Amino acid sequence: MVLLKLTEKRRQVILRTFSREEWAAVKLQSWVRMWSVCQRYRRLLQAVRIIQAYWRSHVYASGGVIKGHYRISDNHLQLKLEILLGSGSCMLSECIPLPIKQ
């Protein structure tokens, strides 16, 4: 009887330790994934800002107009631009997939 209680107690301690280590590993993985997604979002946002600045200066110099918007969702970037330069116009619509889990 005593041996059975001792074995059960040891099993519970091992189970508690395992679950604590498993929880810590899952938490660490989620932090790394979150950091990776934040880095990707920041790089994407910086790229959008560079493109906007370039086109704004280009349009200002050439007398054209750019209208557009972008939307970032969980797994893709949707971009719609209308570029009017002089007598010509161009409509650009793009959906770029974002692979978050690699």
Protein backbone atom coordinates (compact mmCIF):
# COMPACT_ATOMS: atom_id res chain seq x y z
CA MET A 1 0.00 0.00 0.00
CA VAL A 2 2.79 2.42 0.91
CA LEU A 3 4.68 1.54 -2.26
CA LEU A 4 1.56 2.21 -4.33
CA LYS A 5 1.10 5.67 -2.75
CA LEU A 6 4.77 6.48 -3.27
CA THR A 7 4.60 5.42 -6.91
CA GLU A 8 1.44 7.49 -7.46
CA LYS A 9 3.02 10.54 -5.81
CA ARG A 10 6.15 10.20 -7.97
CA ARG A 11 3.96 9.85 -11.09
CA GLN A 12 2.07 13.04 -10.21
CA VAL A 13 5.31 14.96 -9.63
CA ILE A 14 6.70 13.78 -12.97
CA LEU A 15 3.42 14.68 -14.71
CA ARG A 16 3.39 18.15 -13.13
CA THR A 17 7.01 18.74 -14.15
CA PHE A 18 6.34 17.56 -17.69
CA SER A 19 3.25 19.75 -18.07
CA ARG A 20 5.14 22.78 -16.72
CA GLU A 21 8.01 22.21 -19.18
CA GLU A 22 5.55 21.64 -22.04
CA TRP A 23 3.70 24.87 -21.18
CA ALA A 24 7.00 26.78 -21.10
CA ALA A 25 7.98 25.41 -24.52
CA VAL A 26 4.60 26.34 -26.03
CA LYS A 27 4.78 29.82 -24.51
CA LEU A 28 8.30 30.35 -25.85
CA GLN A 29 7.25 29.19 -29.33
CA SER A 30 4.31 31.60 -29.31
CA TRP A 31 6.58 34.49 -28.32
CA VAL A 32 9.00 33.65 -31.15
CA ARG A 33 6.11 33.44 -33.65
CA MET A 34 4.72 36.76 -32.39
CA TRP A 35 8.14 38.40 -32.69
CA SER A 36 8.54 37.00 -36.22
CA VAL A 37 5.12 38.28 -37.31
CA CYS A 38 5.84 41.72 -35.80
CA GLN A 39 9.18 41.90 -37.62
CA ARG A 40 7.54 40.92 -40.92
CA TYR A 41 4.77 43.50 -40.40
CA ARG A 42 7.33 46.23 -39.63
CA ARG A 43 9.34 45.39 -42.76
CA LEU A 44 6.17 45.42 -44.84
CA LEU A 45 5.08 48.73 -43.36
CA GLN A 46 8.52 50.22 -44.03
CA ALA A 47 8.34 49.02 -47.65
CA VAL A 48 4.91 50.63 -48.03
CA ARG A 49 6.25 53.90 -46.62
CA ILE A 50 9.23 53.86 -49.00
CA ILE A 51 6.97 53.18 -52.00
CA GLN A 52 4.59 55.94 -50.91
CA ALA A 53 7.42 58.45 -50.45
CA TYR A 54 8.96 57.55 -53.82
CA TRP A 55 5.69 57.85 -55.68
CA ARG A 56 4.70 61.05 -53.91
CA SER A 57 7.95 62.70 -54.94
CA HIS A 58 7.67 61.26 -58.47
CA VAL A 59 4.07 62.42 -58.86
CA TYR A 60 4.90 65.85 -57.49
CA ALA A 61 7.74 66.23 -60.01
CA SER A 62 5.72 64.92 -62.98
CA GLY A 63 2.40 66.55 -62.14
CA GLY A 64 0.55 63.23 -61.88
CA VAL A 65 -1.77 61.82 -59.27
CA ILE A 66 -1.78 58.54 -57.38
CA LYS A 67 -4.85 57.27 -55.61
CA GLY A 68 -4.89 54.03 -53.75
CA HIS A 69 -5.18 52.07 -50.59
CA TYR A 70 -3.83 48.91 -49.02
CA ARG A 71 -5.19 46.45 -46.51
CA ILE A 72 -3.17 43.95 -44.50
CA SER A 73 -5.06 40.93 -43.24
CA ASP A 74 -3.90 37.78 -41.49
CA ASN A 75 -2.29 36.16 -44.49
CA HIS A 76 -2.14 38.66 -47.37
CA LEU A 77 -1.60 42.27 -48.43
CA GLN A 78 -4.23 43.70 -50.76
CA LEU A 79 -2.99 46.71 -52.73
CA LYS A 80 -5.01 48.89 -55.14
CA LEU A 81 -3.42 51.85 -56.93
CA GLU A 82 -4.63 54.22 -59.64
CA ILE A 83 -1.80 56.17 -61.25
CA LEU A 84 -2.58 59.18 -63.46
CA LEU A 85 0.44 60.61 -65.26
CA GLY A 86 -0.25 63.21 -67.91
CA SER A 87 -2.73 61.75 -70.42
CA GLY A 88 -2.24 58.10 -69.40
CA SER A 89 -3.64 56.20 -66.47
CA CYS A 90 -2.85 52.85 -64.93
CA MET A 91 -4.89 50.76 -62.52
CA LEU A 92 -2.97 48.29 -60.37
CA SER A 93 -4.59 45.73 -58.10
CA GLU A 94 -2.43 43.16 -56.34
CA CYS A 95 -2.97 40.56 -53.65
CA ILE A 96 0.33 39.45 -52.11
CA PRO A 97 0.34 36.36 -49.85
CA LEU A 98 2.21 36.67 -46.58
CA PRO A 99 3.61 33.36 -45.33
CA ILE A 100 3.55 33.87 -41.57
CA LYS A 101 4.36 30.33 -40.46
CA GLN A 102 7.57 29.18 -42.08
